[in-house]
């Protein structure tokens, strides 16, 4: 499912206009993005959680040339499936 399909499902199930459904989806994902940008954890009980993981700088290697390079520290978002989501995905 992509964002447009989510908007369409929300429109059909809740009787919203397409622009109202799009606004709801934009607010939802916008707030999640803002929380992750502040290093907050986003948890949707029974479904999943999102968090930002910090990586320290390290020495890497270019696979083509074999040269070593210093990799800068970085932060990456992570998704962790909840127990209920894991169970539902396994049984369907």
N, C-alpha and C. Protein backbone atom coordinates (compact mmCIF):
# COMPACT_ATOMS: atom_id res chain seq x y z
N UNK A 1 0.86 -1.18 0.00
CA UNK A 1 0.00 0.00 0.00
C UNK A 1 0.90 1.23 0.00
N UNK A 2 0.56 2.18 -0.86
CA UNK A 2 1.31 3.43 -0.86
C UNK A 2 0.44 4.55 -0.27
N UNK A 3 0.99 5.74 -0.25
CA UNK A 3 0.31 6.87 0.37
C UNK A 3 -1.04 7.18 -0.29
N UNK A 4 -1.09 7.14 -1.62
CA UNK A 4 -2.34 7.41 -2.33
C UNK A 4 -3.40 6.36 -2.03
N UNK A 5 -2.99 5.11 -1.91
CA UNK A 5 -3.92 4.04 -1.57
C UNK A 5 -4.45 4.20 -0.14
N UNK A 6 -3.59 4.66 0.76
CA UNK A 6 -4.00 4.92 2.14
C UNK A 6 -5.03 6.05 2.18
N UNK A 7 -4.80 7.10 1.41
CA UNK A 7 -5.74 8.21 1.34
C UNK A 7 -7.09 7.72 0.80
N UNK A 8 -7.05 6.91 -0.23
CA UNK A 8 -8.27 6.38 -0.84
C UNK A 8 -9.04 5.50 0.15
N UNK A 9 -8.33 4.66 0.90
CA UNK A 9 -8.98 3.79 1.90
C UNK A 9 -9.63 4.63 3.00
N UNK A 10 -8.94 5.64 3.46
CA UNK A 10 -9.47 6.52 4.49
C UNK A 10 -10.71 7.25 3.98
N UNK A 11 -10.65 7.72 2.76
CA UNK A 11 -11.78 8.40 2.11
C UNK A 11 -13.00 7.48 2.04
N UNK A 12 -12.79 6.26 1.59
CA UNK A 12 -13.91 5.32 1.41
C UNK A 12 -14.48 4.82 2.74
N UNK A 13 -13.63 4.54 3.70
CA UNK A 13 -14.10 3.95 4.96
C UNK A 13 -14.71 4.97 5.91
N UNK A 14 -14.23 6.21 5.85
CA UNK A 14 -14.71 7.22 6.80
C UNK A 14 -15.60 8.28 6.17
N UNK A 15 -15.83 8.18 4.87
CA UNK A 15 -16.72 9.13 4.21
C UNK A 15 -16.15 10.54 4.13
N UNK A 16 -14.84 10.64 4.09
CA UNK A 16 -14.19 11.95 3.98
C UNK A 16 -14.00 12.31 2.51
N UNK A 17 -13.80 13.58 2.25
CA UNK A 17 -13.42 13.96 0.90
C UNK A 17 -11.96 13.57 0.70
N UNK A 18 -11.54 13.53 -0.55
CA UNK A 18 -10.16 13.15 -0.82
C UNK A 18 -9.19 14.15 -0.18
N UNK A 19 -9.51 15.44 -0.21
CA UNK A 19 -8.62 16.45 0.38
C UNK A 19 -8.58 16.33 1.90
N UNK A 20 -9.71 15.99 2.54
CA UNK A 20 -9.72 15.78 3.99
C UNK A 20 -8.88 14.56 4.37
N UNK A 21 -9.05 13.48 3.63
CA UNK A 21 -8.27 12.26 3.89
C UNK A 21 -6.78 12.52 3.68
N UNK A 22 -6.44 13.26 2.63
CA UNK A 22 -5.04 13.59 2.36
C UNK A 22 -4.46 14.42 3.50
N UNK A 23 -5.24 15.35 4.03
CA UNK A 23 -4.78 16.20 5.14
C UNK A 23 -4.51 15.36 6.38
N UNK A 24 -5.39 14.40 6.67
CA UNK A 24 -5.19 13.52 7.83
C UNK A 24 -3.90 12.74 7.68
N UNK A 25 -3.67 12.18 6.50
CA UNK A 25 -2.46 11.39 6.25
C UNK A 25 -1.22 12.29 6.35
N UNK A 26 -1.29 13.49 5.79
CA UNK A 26 -0.16 14.43 5.87
C UNK A 26 0.16 14.81 7.30
N UNK A 27 -0.87 15.07 8.10
CA UNK A 27 -0.65 15.41 9.51
C UNK A 27 -0.01 14.24 10.24
N UNK A 28 -0.55 13.04 10.03
CA UNK A 28 -0.03 11.85 10.71
C UNK A 28 1.45 11.64 10.41
N UNK A 29 1.80 11.60 9.12
CA UNK A 29 3.19 11.35 8.76
C UNK A 29 4.08 12.54 9.08
N UNK A 30 3.55 13.74 9.00
CA UNK A 30 4.31 14.93 9.36
C UNK A 30 4.70 14.93 10.83
N UNK A 31 3.75 14.57 11.68
CA UNK A 31 4.03 14.50 13.12
C UNK A 31 5.03 13.39 13.45
N UNK A 32 4.90 12.26 12.77
CA UNK A 32 5.86 11.17 12.98
C UNK A 32 7.27 11.63 12.58
N UNK A 33 7.37 12.31 11.45
CA UNK A 33 8.66 12.78 10.96
C UNK A 33 9.26 13.79 11.93
N UNK A 34 8.44 14.71 12.42
CA UNK A 34 8.94 15.71 13.38
C UNK A 34 9.44 15.05 14.66
N UNK A 35 8.70 14.07 15.16
CA UNK A 35 9.11 13.37 16.38
C UNK A 35 10.45 12.67 16.17
N UNK A 36 10.61 11.99 15.04
CA UNK A 36 11.88 11.29 14.77
C UNK A 36 13.02 12.29 14.59
N UNK A 37 12.73 13.44 13.99
CA UNK A 37 13.76 14.47 13.82
C UNK A 37 14.25 14.99 15.18
N UNK A 38 13.38 14.92 16.20
CA UNK A 38 13.75 15.35 17.56
C UNK A 38 14.32 14.19 18.37
N UNK A 39 14.58 13.06 17.72
CA UNK A 39 15.08 11.84 18.36
C UNK A 39 14.07 11.22 19.32
N UNK A 40 12.78 11.52 19.14
CA UNK A 40 11.74 10.88 19.93
C UNK A 40 11.38 9.54 19.30
N UNK A 41 10.88 8.66 20.11
CA UNK A 41 10.42 7.35 19.63
C UNK A 41 8.93 7.47 19.29
N UNK A 42 8.50 6.84 18.22
CA UNK A 42 7.09 6.82 17.83
C UNK A 42 6.62 5.38 17.99
N UNK A 43 5.60 5.19 18.83
CA UNK A 43 5.11 3.84 19.08
C UNK A 43 3.63 3.77 18.81
N UNK A 44 3.24 2.80 17.99
CA UNK A 44 1.84 2.54 17.71
C UNK A 44 1.57 1.15 18.29
N UNK A 45 0.96 1.11 19.45
CA UNK A 45 0.77 -0.14 20.20
C UNK A 45 0.15 -1.23 19.34
N UNK A 46 0.74 -2.42 19.40
CA UNK A 46 0.24 -3.56 18.67
C UNK A 46 0.68 -3.60 17.22
N UNK A 47 1.23 -2.49 16.72
CA UNK A 47 1.60 -2.46 15.31
C UNK A 47 3.12 -2.36 15.15
N UNK A 48 3.70 -1.25 15.60
CA UNK A 48 5.13 -1.05 15.37
C UNK A 48 5.66 0.12 16.18
N UNK A 49 6.95 0.30 16.11
CA UNK A 49 7.58 1.49 16.67
C UNK A 49 8.68 1.94 15.71
N UNK A 50 8.93 3.23 15.73
CA UNK A 50 9.98 3.84 14.93
C UNK A 50 10.91 4.55 15.90
N UNK A 51 12.20 4.49 15.63
CA UNK A 51 13.16 5.20 16.46
C UNK A 51 14.38 5.53 15.62
N UNK A 52 15.20 6.42 16.14
CA UNK A 52 16.42 6.83 15.45
C UNK A 52 17.61 6.19 16.15
N UNK A 53 18.43 5.51 15.37
CA UNK A 53 19.62 4.85 15.90
C UNK A 53 20.85 5.65 15.50
N UNK A 54 21.73 5.88 16.46
CA UNK A 54 22.94 6.66 16.20
C UNK A 54 24.12 5.74 15.94
N UNK A 55 24.89 6.08 14.93
CA UNK A 55 26.10 5.33 14.59
C UNK A 55 27.31 6.22 14.77
N UNK A 56 28.33 5.70 15.36
CA UNK A 56 29.58 6.44 15.55
C UNK A 56 30.37 6.41 14.24
N UNK A 57 31.35 7.29 14.13
CA UNK A 57 32.23 7.30 12.96
C UNK A 57 33.05 6.01 12.96
N UNK A 58 33.40 5.55 11.77
CA UNK A 58 34.21 4.35 11.66
C UNK A 58 35.00 4.38 10.37
N UNK A 59 35.99 3.50 10.29
CA UNK A 59 36.79 3.40 9.08
C UNK A 59 36.19 2.34 8.18
N UNK A 60 35.85 2.75 6.96
CA UNK A 60 35.28 1.83 5.99
C UNK A 60 36.25 1.60 4.85
N UNK A 61 35.82 0.80 3.88
CA UNK A 61 36.67 0.49 2.74
C UNK A 61 35.85 0.59 1.47
N UNK A 62 36.41 1.24 0.46
CA UNK A 62 35.77 1.31 -0.84
C UNK A 62 35.93 -0.05 -1.51
N UNK A 63 34.83 -0.76 -1.82
CA UNK A 63 34.95 -2.11 -2.37
C UNK A 63 35.57 -2.14 -3.77
N UNK A 64 35.46 -1.07 -4.53
CA UNK A 64 36.04 -1.05 -5.88
C UNK A 64 37.54 -0.86 -5.85
N UNK A 65 38.00 0.09 -5.02
CA UNK A 65 39.43 0.45 -5.03
C UNK A 65 40.20 -0.17 -3.88
N UNK A 66 39.50 -0.56 -2.84
CA UNK A 66 40.18 -1.11 -1.67
C UNK A 66 40.70 -0.03 -0.73
N UNK A 67 40.53 1.24 -1.10
CA UNK A 67 41.01 2.34 -0.25
C UNK A 67 40.16 2.45 1.01
N UNK A 68 40.82 2.82 2.11
CA UNK A 68 40.07 3.05 3.34
C UNK A 68 39.58 4.50 3.35
N UNK A 69 38.45 4.68 4.01
CA UNK A 69 37.86 6.01 4.11
C UNK A 69 37.20 6.14 5.48
N UNK A 70 37.21 7.36 6.01
CA UNK A 70 36.56 7.61 7.29
C UNK A 70 35.08 7.88 7.03
N UNK A 71 34.22 7.12 7.66
CA UNK A 71 32.78 7.28 7.54
C UNK A 71 32.31 8.15 8.70
N UNK A 72 31.60 9.22 8.38
CA UNK A 72 31.13 10.17 9.40
C UNK A 72 30.05 9.55 10.27
N UNK A 73 29.89 10.06 11.51
CA UNK A 73 28.79 9.58 12.34
C UNK A 73 27.46 9.93 11.68
N UNK A 74 26.45 9.10 11.93
CA UNK A 74 25.15 9.36 11.31
C UNK A 74 24.03 8.82 12.18
N UNK A 75 22.82 9.25 11.86
CA UNK A 75 21.60 8.77 12.52
C UNK A 75 20.69 8.22 11.43
N UNK A 76 20.10 7.06 11.69
CA UNK A 76 19.20 6.45 10.73
C UNK A 76 17.90 6.03 11.42
N UNK A 77 16.76 6.20 10.74
CA UNK A 77 15.49 5.75 11.33
C UNK A 77 15.35 4.24 11.21
N UNK A 78 14.74 3.65 12.23
CA UNK A 78 14.50 2.21 12.25
C UNK A 78 13.05 1.91 12.56
N UNK A 79 12.58 0.80 12.02
CA UNK A 79 11.22 0.31 12.22
C UNK A 79 11.32 -1.01 12.95
N UNK A 80 10.48 -1.18 13.97
CA UNK A 80 10.44 -2.45 14.69
C UNK A 80 8.98 -2.90 14.74
N UNK A 81 8.70 -4.06 14.18
CA UNK A 81 7.34 -4.59 14.17
C UNK A 81 6.92 -5.02 15.57
N UNK A 82 5.67 -4.76 15.90
CA UNK A 82 5.12 -5.17 17.18
C UNK A 82 4.71 -6.64 17.15
N UNK A 83 4.43 -7.17 18.32
CA UNK A 83 4.08 -8.59 18.45
C UNK A 83 2.83 -8.94 17.63
N UNK A 84 1.80 -8.10 17.73
CA UNK A 84 0.55 -8.37 17.02
C UNK A 84 0.76 -8.36 15.50
N UNK A 85 1.55 -7.42 15.00
CA UNK A 85 1.83 -7.36 13.56
C UNK A 85 2.60 -8.59 13.11
N UNK A 86 3.58 -9.01 13.90
CA UNK A 86 4.34 -10.21 13.56
C UNK A 86 3.44 -11.43 13.48
N UNK A 87 2.53 -11.56 14.46
CA UNK A 87 1.62 -12.70 14.48
C UNK A 87 0.67 -12.68 13.29
N UNK A 88 0.12 -11.52 12.97
CA UNK A 88 -0.82 -11.41 11.85
C UNK A 88 -0.12 -11.68 10.52
N UNK A 89 1.10 -11.20 10.37
CA UNK A 89 1.84 -11.43 9.12
C UNK A 89 2.18 -12.91 8.96
N UNK A 90 2.43 -13.58 10.05
CA UNK A 90 2.81 -14.99 10.02
C UNK A 90 1.61 -15.89 9.72
N UNK A 91 0.41 -15.49 10.10
CA UNK A 91 -0.77 -16.34 9.95
C UNK A 91 -1.58 -16.08 8.69
N UNK A 92 -1.23 -15.09 7.93
CA UNK A 92 -2.05 -14.80 6.73
C UNK A 92 -1.35 -15.21 5.47
